[in-house]
Amino acid sequence: MNVAFGNKIGGEVRKMVGLGEVKSTIATAIAAAFGFIIALIWRDIIVGLFNLAGLKINEITNTTGAITATISGVIITVVCIFGILYISKWGGIKK
């Protein structure tokens, strides 16, 4: 499907944006959102580990909580990475 977006002003056609470019832009934004989710999860884990070490910043209070938070962070990171890879392939983002 070859769709283009653009407008005609005063008889002059402005630059057309293809569907591929739109998909690429959307994919980049979604990949950035996944990265932001990863960063937020790891921020909570790191702050919790500081609390566990005696620097009270957040609410992880024992080793079990720290391990659970870390495992959750790893799982969410892996899911988000696969999401980034899928969205990047869909959007045609080149490495």
PDB file of N, CA and C in Angstrom:
ATOM      1  N   MET A   1       0.850  -1.168   0.000  1.00  0.00           N
ATOM      2  CA  MET A   1       0.000   0.000   0.000  1.00  0.00           C
ATOM      3  C   MET A   1       0.897   1.232   0.000  1.00  0.00           C
ATOM      4  N   ASN A   2       0.708   2.090  -0.943  1.00  0.00           N
ATOM      5  CA  ASN A   2       1.534   3.282  -1.051  1.00  0.00           C
ATOM      6  C   ASN A   2       0.667   4.511  -0.820  1.00  0.00           C
ATOM      7  N   VAL A   3       0.576   4.920   0.416  1.00  0.00           N
ATOM      8  CA  VAL A   3      -0.232   6.077   0.796  1.00  0.00           C
ATOM      9  C   VAL A   3       0.707   7.225   1.096  1.00  0.00           C
ATOM     10  N   ALA A   4       0.340   8.405   0.694  1.00  0.00           N
ATOM     11  CA  ALA A   4       1.160   9.579   0.981  1.00  0.00           C
ATOM     12  C   ALA A   4       0.288  10.656   1.596  1.00  0.00           C
ATOM     13  N   PHE A   5       0.870  11.404   2.499  1.00  0.00           N
ATOM     14  CA  PHE A   5       0.162  12.491   3.157  1.00  0.00           C
ATOM     15  C   PHE A   5       0.830  13.803   2.749  1.00  0.00           C
ATOM     16  N   GLY A   6       0.056  14.771   2.439  1.00  0.00           N
ATOM     17  CA  GLY A   6       0.611  16.056   2.049  1.00  0.00           C
ATOM     18  C   GLY A   6      -0.516  17.042   1.779  1.00  0.00           C
ATOM     19  N   ASN A   7      -0.170  18.230   1.314  1.00  0.00           N
ATOM     20  CA  ASN A   7      -1.201  19.202   0.998  1.00  0.00           C
ATOM     21  C   ASN A   7      -0.754  20.049  -0.183  1.00  0.00           C
ATOM     22  N   LYS A   8      -1.734  20.675  -0.814  1.00  0.00           N
ATOM     23  CA  LYS A   8      -1.465  21.511  -1.971  1.00  0.00           C
ATOM     24  C   LYS A   8      -1.833  22.942  -1.595  1.00  0.00           C
ATOM     25  N   ILE A   9      -0.843  23.827  -1.620  1.00  0.00           N
ATOM     26  CA  ILE A   9      -1.079  25.228  -1.263  1.00  0.00           C
ATOM     27  C   ILE A   9      -0.669  26.096  -2.441  1.00  0.00           C
ATOM     28  N   GLY A  10      -1.599  26.878  -2.923  1.00  0.00           N
ATOM     29  CA  GLY A  10      -1.304  27.808  -4.015  1.00  0.00           C
ATOM     30  C   GLY A  10      -0.759  27.132  -5.258  1.00  0.00           C
ATOM     31  N   GLY A  11      -1.258  25.951  -5.591  1.00  0.00           N
ATOM     32  CA  GLY A  11      -0.809  25.255  -6.770  1.00  0.00           C
ATOM     33  C   GLY A  11       0.503  24.507  -6.582  1.00  0.00           C
ATOM     34  N   GLU A  12       1.126  24.638  -5.409  1.00  0.00           N
ATOM     35  CA  GLU A  12       2.401  23.972  -5.137  1.00  0.00           C
ATOM     36  C   GLU A  12       2.158  22.797  -4.191  1.00  0.00           C
ATOM     37  N   VAL A  13       2.657  21.632  -4.566  1.00  0.00           N
ATOM     38  CA  VAL A  13       2.495  20.456  -3.722  1.00  0.00           C
ATOM     39  C   VAL A  13       3.682  20.377  -2.782  1.00  0.00           C
ATOM     40  N   ARG A  14       3.381  20.307  -1.511  1.00  0.00           N
ATOM     41  CA  ARG A  14       4.443  20.208  -0.512  1.00  0.00           C
ATOM     42  C   ARG A  14       4.912  18.762  -0.391  1.00  0.00           C
ATOM     43  N   LYS A  15       6.007  18.567   0.321  1.00  0.00           N
ATOM     44  CA  LYS A  15       6.606  17.240   0.480  1.00  0.00           C
ATOM     45  C   LYS A  15       5.575  16.239   0.989  1.00  0.00           C
ATOM     46  N   MET A  16       5.556  15.097   0.367  1.00  0.00           N
ATOM     47  CA  MET A  16       4.640  14.032   0.752  1.00  0.00           C
ATOM     48  C   MET A  16       5.346  13.114   1.746  1.00  0.00           C
ATOM     49  N   VAL A  17       4.603  12.681   2.728  1.00  0.00           N
ATOM     50  CA  VAL A  17       5.127  11.761   3.723  1.00  0.00           C
ATOM     51  C   VAL A  17       4.508  10.406   3.447  1.00  0.00           C
ATOM     52  N   GLY A  18       5.350   9.420   3.200  1.00  0.00           N
ATOM     53  CA  GLY A  18       4.867   8.081   2.886  1.00  0.00           C
ATOM     54  C   GLY A  18       4.456   7.315   4.128  1.00  0.00           C
ATOM     55  N   LEU A  19       3.687   6.266   3.910  1.00  0.00           N
ATOM     56  CA  LEU A  19       3.220   5.424   5.007  1.00  0.00           C
ATOM     57  C   LEU A  19       4.396   4.786   5.745  1.00  0.00           C
ATOM     58  N   GLY A  20       5.467   4.464   5.021  1.00  0.00           N
ATOM     59  CA  GLY A  20       6.646   3.879   5.655  1.00  0.00           C
ATOM     60  C   GLY A  20       7.274   4.822   6.662  1.00  0.00           C
ATOM     61  N   GLU A  21       7.330   6.107   6.318  1.00  0.00           N
ATOM     62  CA  GLU A  21       7.897   7.092   7.239  1.00  0.00           C
ATOM     63  C   GLU A  21       7.011   7.277   8.468  1.00  0.00           C
ATOM     64  N   VAL A  22       5.705   7.245   8.268  1.00  0.00           N
ATOM     65  CA  VAL A  22       4.767   7.358   9.393  1.00  0.00           C
ATOM     66  C   VAL A  22       4.931   6.165  10.318  1.00  0.00           C
ATOM     67  N   LYS A  23       4.986   4.948   9.747  1.00  0.00           N
ATOM     68  CA  LYS A  23       5.170   3.747  10.560  1.00  0.00           C
ATOM     69  C   LYS A  23       6.496   3.789  11.311  1.00  0.00           C
ATOM     70  N   SER A  24       7.541   4.254  10.659  1.00  0.00           N
ATOM     71  CA  SER A  24       8.848   4.338  11.292  1.00  0.00           C
ATOM     72  C   SER A  24       8.818   5.297  12.474  1.00  0.00           C
ATOM     73  N   THR A  25       8.158   6.422  12.318  1.00  0.00           N
ATOM     74  CA  THR A  25       8.054   7.404  13.398  1.00  0.00           C
ATOM     75  C   THR A  25       7.261   6.845  14.572  1.00  0.00           C
ATOM     76  N   ILE A  26       6.153   6.178  14.277  1.00  0.00           N
ATOM     77  CA  ILE A  26       5.339   5.574  15.335  1.00  0.00           C
ATOM     78  C   ILE A  26       6.139   4.494  16.057  1.00  0.00           C
ATOM     79  N   ALA A  27       6.857   3.667  15.294  1.00  0.00           N
ATOM     80  CA  ALA A  27       7.649   2.595  15.896  1.00  0.00           C
ATOM     81  C   ALA A  27       8.732   3.158  16.804  1.00  0.00           C
ATOM     82  N   THR A  28       9.351   4.244  16.388  1.00  0.00           N
ATOM     83  CA  THR A  28      10.383   4.875  17.217  1.00  0.00           C
ATOM     84  C   THR A  28       9.789   5.381  18.528  1.00  0.00           C
ATOM     85  N   ALA A  29       8.614   5.991  18.452  1.00  0.00           N
ATOM     86  CA  ALA A  29       7.956   6.502  19.660  1.00  0.00           C
ATOM     87  C   ALA A  29       7.579   5.368  20.606  1.00  0.00           C
ATOM     88  N   ILE A  30       7.070   4.265  20.066  1.00  0.00           N
ATOM     89  CA  ILE A  30       6.683   3.132  20.907  1.00  0.00           C
ATOM     90  C   ILE A  30       7.923   2.491  21.536  1.00  0.00           C
ATOM     91  N   ALA A  31       9.003   2.375  20.764  1.00  0.00           N
ATOM     92  CA  ALA A  31      10.246   1.825  21.307  1.00  0.00           C
ATOM     93  C   ALA A  31      10.766   2.707  22.446  1.00  0.00           C
ATOM     94  N   ALA A  32      10.670   4.009  22.287  1.00  0.00           N
ATOM     95  CA  ALA A  32      11.095   4.922  23.351  1.00  0.00           C
ATOM     96  C   ALA A  32      10.220   4.736  24.595  1.00  0.00           C
ATOM     97  N   ALA A  33       8.928   4.504  24.408  1.00  0.00           N
ATOM     98  CA  ALA A  33       8.030   4.274  25.544  1.00  0.00           C
ATOM     99  C   ALA A  33       8.420   3.004  26.293  1.00  0.00           C
ATOM    100  N   PHE A  34       8.752   1.944  25.547  1.00  0.00           N
ATOM    101  CA  PHE A  34       9.212   0.715  26.203  1.00  0.00           C
ATOM    102  C   PHE A  34      10.489   0.979  27.001  1.00  0.00           C
ATOM    103  N   GLY A  35      11.397   1.733  26.440  1.00  0.00           N
ATOM    104  CA  GLY A  35      12.630   2.084  27.140  1.00  0.00           C
ATOM    105  C   GLY A  35      12.351   2.862  28.417  1.00  0.00           C
ATOM    106  N   PHE A  36      11.373   3.738  28.357  1.00  0.00           N
ATOM    107  CA  PHE A  36      10.987   4.517  29.530  1.00  0.00           C
ATOM    108  C   PHE A  36      10.425   3.604  30.620  1.00  0.00           C
ATOM    109  N   ILE A  37       9.626   2.613  30.234  1.00  0.00           N
ATOM    110  CA  ILE A  37       9.080   1.654  31.199  1.00  0.00           C
ATOM    111  C   ILE A  37      10.218   0.899  31.874  1.00  0.00           C
ATOM    112  N   ILE A  38      11.195   0.442  31.073  1.00  0.00           N
ATOM    113  CA  ILE A  38      12.346  -0.271  31.625  1.00  0.00           C
ATOM    114  C   ILE A  38      13.071   0.613  32.642  1.00  0.00           C
ATOM    115  N   ALA A  39      13.291   1.866  32.288  1.00  0.00           N
ATOM    116  CA  ALA A  39      14.007   2.786  33.180  1.00  0.00           C
ATOM    117  C   ALA A  39      13.252   2.982  34.491  1.00  0.00           C
ATOM    118  N   LEU A  40      11.941   3.120  34.424  1.00  0.00           N
ATOM    119  CA  LEU A  40      11.153   3.307  35.652  1.00  0.00           C
ATOM    120  C   LEU A  40      11.216   2.087  36.564  1.00  0.00           C
ATOM    121  N   ILE A  41      11.138   0.899  35.974  1.00  0.00           N
ATOM    122  CA  ILE A  41      11.201  -0.321  36.781  1.00  0.00           C
ATOM    123  C   ILE A  41      12.547  -0.424  37.481  1.00  0.00           C
ATOM    124  N   TRP A  42      13.634  -0.209  36.726  1.00  0.00           N
ATOM    125  CA  TRP A  42      14.965  -0.341  37.323  1.00  0.00           C
ATOM    126  C   TRP A  42      15.245   0.764  38.335  1.00  0.00           C
ATOM    127  N   ARG A  43      14.652   1.921  38.160  1.00  0.00           N
ATOM    128  CA  ARG A  43      14.806   2.989  39.152  1.00  0.00           C
ATOM    129  C   ARG A  43      14.255   2.526  40.494  1.00  0.00           C
ATOM    130  N   ASP A  44      13.056   1.922  40.458  1.00  0.00           N
ATOM    131  CA  ASP A  44      12.450   1.438  41.699  1.00  0.00           C
ATOM    132  C   ASP A  44      13.305   0.355  42.352  1.00  0.00           C
ATOM    133  N   ILE A  45      13.853  -0.535  41.542  1.00  0.00           N
ATOM    134  CA  ILE A  45      14.686  -1.611  42.083  1.00  0.00           C
ATOM    135  C   ILE A  45      15.942  -1.035  42.734  1.00  0.00           C
ATOM    136  N   ILE A  46      16.600  -0.122  42.055  1.00  0.00           N
ATOM    137  CA  ILE A  46      17.838   0.458  42.585  1.00  0.00           C
ATOM    138  C   ILE A  46      17.573   1.231  43.872  1.00  0.00           C
ATOM    139  N   VAL A  47      16.500   2.010  43.892  1.00  0.00           N
ATOM    140  CA  VAL A  47      16.153   2.752  45.107  1.00  0.00           C
ATOM    141  C   VAL A  47      15.840   1.779  46.238  1.00  0.00           C
ATOM    142  N   GLY A  48      15.140   0.704  45.938  1.00  0.00           N
ATOM    143  CA  GLY A  48      14.831  -0.303  46.954  1.00  0.00           C
ATOM    144  C   GLY A  48      16.072  -0.980  47.500  1.00  0.00           C
ATOM    145  N   LEU A  49      17.031  -1.244  46.616  1.00  0.00           N
ATOM    146  CA  LEU A  49      18.283  -1.856  47.079  1.00  0.00           C
ATOM    147  C   LEU A  49      19.062  -0.895  47.973  1.00  0.00           C
ATOM    148  N   PHE A  50      19.024   0.390  47.671  1.00  0.00           N
ATOM    149  CA  PHE A  50      19.652   1.372  48.562  1.00  0.00           C
ATOM    150  C   PHE A  50      18.975   1.354  49.921  1.00  0.00           C
ATOM    151  N   ASN A  51      17.661   1.262  49.936  1.00  0.00           N
ATOM    152  CA  ASN A  51      16.929   1.172  51.211  1.00  0.00           C
ATOM    153  C   ASN A  51      17.356  -0.056  51.999  1.00  0.00           C
ATOM    154  N   LEU A  52      17.492  -1.181  51.293  1.00  0.00           N
ATOM    155  CA  LEU A  52      17.889  -2.422  51.943  1.00  0.00           C
ATOM    156  C   LEU A  52      19.288  -2.300  52.544  1.00  0.00           C
ATOM    157  N   ALA A  53      20.146  -1.522  51.910  1.00  0.00           N
ATOM    158  CA  ALA A  53      21.508  -1.326  52.402  1.00  0.00           C
ATOM    159  C   ALA A  53      21.573  -0.319  53.549  1.00  0.00           C
ATOM    160  N   GLY A  54      20.426   0.235  53.913  1.00  0.00           N
ATOM    161  CA  GLY A  54      20.403   1.167  55.030  1.00  0.00           C
ATOM    162  C   GLY A  54      20.185   2.608  54.633  1.00  0.00           C
ATOM    163  N   LEU A  55      20.168   2.887  53.362  1.00  0.00           N
ATOM    164  CA  LEU A  55      19.879   4.243  52.880  1.00  0.00           C
ATOM    165  C   LEU A  55      18.393   4.304  52.541  1.00  0.00           C
ATOM    166  N   LYS A  56      17.568   4.640  53.505  1.00  0.00           N
ATOM    167  CA  LYS A  56      16.120   4.578  53.360  1.00  0.00           C
ATOM    168  C   LYS A  56      15.597   5.597  52.350  1.00  0.00           C
ATOM    169  N   ILE A  57      15.277   5.092  51.162  1.00  0.00           N
ATOM    170  CA  ILE A  57      14.736   5.950  50.111  1.00  0.00           C
ATOM    171  C   ILE A  57      13.369   5.440  49.655  1.00  0.00           C
ATOM    172  N   ASN A  58      13.131   4.140  49.761  1.00  0.00           N
ATOM    173  CA  ASN A  58      11.891   3.551  49.252  1.00  0.00           C
ATOM    174  C   ASN A  58      11.438   2.413  50.163  1.00  0.00           C
ATOM    175  N   GLU A  59      10.654   1.461  49.664  1.00  0.00           N
ATOM    176  CA  GLU A  59       9.982   0.500  50.525  1.00  0.00           C
ATOM    177  C   GLU A  59      10.424  -0.965  50.419  1.00  0.00           C
ATOM    178  N   ILE A  60      11.491  -1.318  49.705  1.00  0.00           N
ATOM    179  CA  ILE A  60      11.958  -2.704  49.746  1.00  0.00           C
ATOM    180  C   ILE A  60      12.663  -2.874  51.087  1.00  0.00           C
ATOM    181  N   THR A  61      12.126  -3.764  51.945  1.00  0.00           N
ATOM    182  CA  THR A  61      12.625  -3.837  53.318  1.00  0.00           C
ATOM    183  C   THR A  61      13.367  -5.118  53.653  1.00  0.00           C
ATOM    184  N   ASN A  62      13.338  -6.119  52.770  1.00  0.00           N
ATOM    185  CA  ASN A  62      14.076  -7.352  53.072  1.00  0.00           C
ATOM    186  C   ASN A  62      14.625  -7.958  51.781  1.00  0.00           C
ATOM    187  N   THR A  63      15.416  -8.997  51.947  1.00  0.00           N
ATOM    188  CA  THR A  63      16.061  -9.633  50.796  1.00  0.00           C
ATOM    189  C   THR A  63      15.041 -10.237  49.846  1.00  0.00           C
ATOM    190  N   THR A  64      13.970 -10.814  50.365  1.00  0.00           N
ATOM    191  CA  THR A  64      12.935 -11.402  49.515  1.00  0.00           C
ATOM    192  C   THR A  64      12.302 -10.341  48.623  1.00  0.00           C
ATOM    193  N   GLY A  65      12.022  -9.189  49.187  1.00  0.00           N
ATOM    194  CA  GLY A  65      11.459  -8.100  48.391  1.00  0.00           C
ATOM    195  C   GLY A  65      12.423  -7.634  47.312  1.00  0.00           C
ATOM    196  N   ALA A  66      13.710  -7.592  47.652  1.00  0.00           N
ATOM    197  CA  ALA A  66      14.718  -7.176  46.676  1.00  0.00           C
ATOM    198  C   ALA A  66      14.825  -8.179  45.539  1.00  0.00           C
ATOM    199  N   ILE A  67      14.822  -9.463  45.878  1.00  0.00           N
ATOM    200  CA  ILE A  67      14.905 -10.503  44.851  1.00  0.00           C
ATOM    201  C   ILE A  67      13.669 -10.482  43.959  1.00  0.00           C
ATOM    202  N   THR A  68      12.496 -10.350  44.582  1.00  0.00           N
ATOM    203  CA  THR A  68      11.251 -10.286  43.809  1.00  0.00           C
ATOM    204  C   THR A  68      11.250  -9.091  42.866  1.00  0.00           C
ATOM    205  N   ALA A  69      11.668  -7.947  43.351  1.00  0.00           N
ATOM    206  CA  ALA A  69      11.707  -6.744  42.516  1.00  0.00           C
ATOM    207  C   ALA A  69      12.695  -6.910  41.368  1.00  0.00           C
ATOM    208  N   THR A  70      13.846  -7.519  41.648  1.00  0.00           N
ATOM    209  CA  THR A  70      14.853  -7.710  40.608  1.00  0.00           C
ATOM    210  C   THR A  70      14.363  -8.677  39.544  1.00  0.00           C
ATOM    211  N   ILE A  71      13.742  -9.784  39.950  1.00  0.00           N
ATOM    212  CA  ILE A  71      13.202 -10.742  38.984  1.00  0.00           C
ATOM    213  C   ILE A  71      12.104 -10.092  38.159  1.00  0.00           C
ATOM    214  N   SER A  72      11.243  -9.326  38.802  1.00  0.00           N
ATOM    215  CA  SER A  72      10.197  -8.609  38.067  1.00  0.00           C
ATOM    216  C   SER A  72      10.807  -7.647  37.065  1.00  0.00           C
ATOM    217  N   GLY A  73      11.845  -6.939  37.470  1.00  0.00           N
ATOM    218  CA  GLY A  73      12.522  -6.000  36.569  1.00  0.00           C
ATOM    219  C   GLY A  73      13.115  -6.694  35.361  1.00  0.00           C
ATOM    220  N   VAL A  74      13.733  -7.850  35.584  1.00  0.00           N
ATOM    221  CA  VAL A  74      14.322  -8.609  34.477  1.00  0.00           C
ATOM    222  C   VAL A  74      13.239  -9.074  33.516  1.00  0.00           C
ATOM    223  N   ILE A  75      12.150  -9.607  34.045  1.00  0.00           N
ATOM    224  CA  ILE A  75      11.051 -10.086  33.189  1.00  0.00           C
ATOM    225  C   ILE A  75      10.467  -8.938  32.376  1.00  0.00           C
ATOM    226  N   ILE A  76      10.191  -7.812  33.019  1.00  0.00           N
ATOM    227  CA  ILE A  76       9.626  -6.666  32.311  1.00  0.00           C
ATOM    228  C   ILE A  76      10.611  -6.149  31.264  1.00  0.00           C
ATOM    229  N   THR A  77      11.901  -6.154  31.588  1.00  0.00           N
ATOM    230  CA  THR A  77      12.913  -5.716  30.630  1.00  0.00           C
ATOM    231  C   THR A  77      12.913  -6.611  29.401  1.00  0.00           C
ATOM    232  N   VAL A  78      12.879  -7.919  29.599  1.00  0.00           N
ATOM    233  CA  VAL A  78      12.883  -8.861  28.469  1.00  0.00           C
ATOM    234  C   VAL A  78      11.636  -8.680  27.612  1.00  0.00           C
ATOM    235  N   VAL A  79      10.473  -8.557  28.252  1.00  0.00           N
ATOM    236  CA  VAL A  79       9.235  -8.347  27.498  1.00  0.00           C
ATOM    237  C   VAL A  79       9.309  -7.055  26.688  1.00  0.00           C
ATOM    238  N   CYS A  80       9.809  -5.991  27.304  1.00  0.00           N
ATOM    239  CA  CYS A  80       9.917  -4.707  26.598  1.00  0.00           C
ATOM    240  C   CYS A  80      10.927  -4.770  25.452  1.00  0.00           C
ATOM    241  N   ILE A  81      12.019  -5.504  25.633  1.00  0.00           N
ATOM    242  CA  ILE A  81      12.997  -5.638  24.551  1.00  0.00           C
ATOM    243  C   ILE A  81      12.369  -6.356  23.363  1.00  0.00           C
ATOM    244  N   PHE A  82      11.623  -7.425  23.629  1.00  0.00           N
ATOM    245  CA  PHE A  82      10.935  -8.096  22.526  1.00  0.00           C
ATOM    246  C   PHE A  82       9.904  -7.171  21.873  1.00  0.00           C
ATOM    247  N   GLY A  83       9.233  -6.362  22.691  1.00  0.00           N
ATOM    248  CA  GLY A  83       8.304  -5.380  22.143  1.00  0.00           C
ATOM    249  C   GLY A  83       9.011  -4.373  21.248  1.00  0.00           C
ATOM    250  N   ILE A  84      10.178  -3.900  21.687  1.00  0.00           N
ATOM    251  CA  ILE A  84      10.965  -2.959  20.885  1.00  0.00           C
ATOM    252  C   ILE A  84      11.390  -3.606  19.578  1.00  0.00           C
ATOM    253  N   LEU A  85      11.868  -4.856  19.636  1.00  0.00           N
ATOM    254  CA  LEU A  85      12.285  -5.549  18.416  1.00  0.00           C
ATOM    255  C   LEU A  85      11.122  -5.734  17.448  1.00  0.00           C
ATOM    256  N   TYR A  86       9.952  -6.129  17.978  1.00  0.00           N
ATOM    257  CA  TYR A  86       8.777  -6.330  17.132  1.00  0.00           C
ATOM    258  C   TYR A  86       8.331  -5.021  16.495  1.00  0.00           C
ATOM    259  N   ILE A  87       8.225  -3.978  17.300  1.00  0.00           N
ATOM    260  CA  ILE A  87       7.787  -2.681  16.788  1.00  0.00           C
ATOM    261  C   ILE A  87       8.801  -2.126  15.787  1.00  0.00           C
ATOM    262  N   SER A  88      10.096  -2.320  16.057  1.00  0.00           N
ATOM    263  CA  SER A  88      11.120  -1.847  15.132  1.00  0.00           C
ATOM    264  C   SER A  88      11.021  -2.549  13.783  1.00  0.00           C
ATOM    265  N   LYS A  89      10.751  -3.858  13.825  1.00  0.00           N
ATOM    266  CA  LYS A  89      10.585  -4.613  12.566  1.00  0.00           C
ATOM    267  C   LYS A  89       9.337  -4.129  11.838  1.00  0.00           C
ATOM    268  N   TRP A  90       8.250  -3.924  12.576  1.00  0.00           N
ATOM    269  CA  TRP A  90       6.999  -3.451  11.972  1.00  0.00           C
ATOM    270  C   TRP A  90       7.181  -2.081  11.339  1.00  0.00           C
ATOM    271  N   GLY A  91       7.909  -1.211  12.036  1.00  0.00           N
ATOM    272  CA  GLY A  91       8.097   0.140  11.551  1.00  0.00           C
ATOM    273  C   GLY A  91       9.213   0.287  10.531  1.00  0.00           C
ATOM    274  N   GLY A  92       9.962  -0.780  10.312  1.00  0.00           N
ATOM    275  CA  GLY A  92      11.028  -0.729   9.315  1.00  0.00           C
ATOM    276  C   GLY A  92      12.220   0.100   9.750  1.00  0.00           C
ATOM    277  N   ILE A  93      12.498   0.174  11.058  1.00  0.00           N
ATOM    278  CA  ILE A  93      13.625   0.950  11.550  1.00  0.00           C
ATOM    279  C   ILE A  93      14.907   0.214  11.214  1.00  0.00           C
ATOM    280  N   LYS A  94      15.814   0.909  10.566  1.00  0.00           N
ATOM    281  CA  LYS A  94      17.102   0.324  10.192  1.00  0.00           C
ATOM    282  C   LYS A  94      18.089   0.523  11.335  1.00  0.00           C
ATOM    283  N   LYS A  95      18.969  -0.465  11.516  1.00  0.00           N
ATOM    284  CA  LYS A  95      20.002  -0.353  12.562  1.00  0.00           C
ATOM    285  C   LYS A  95      21.149   0.458  12.063  1.00  0.00           C
TER     286      LYS A  95
END
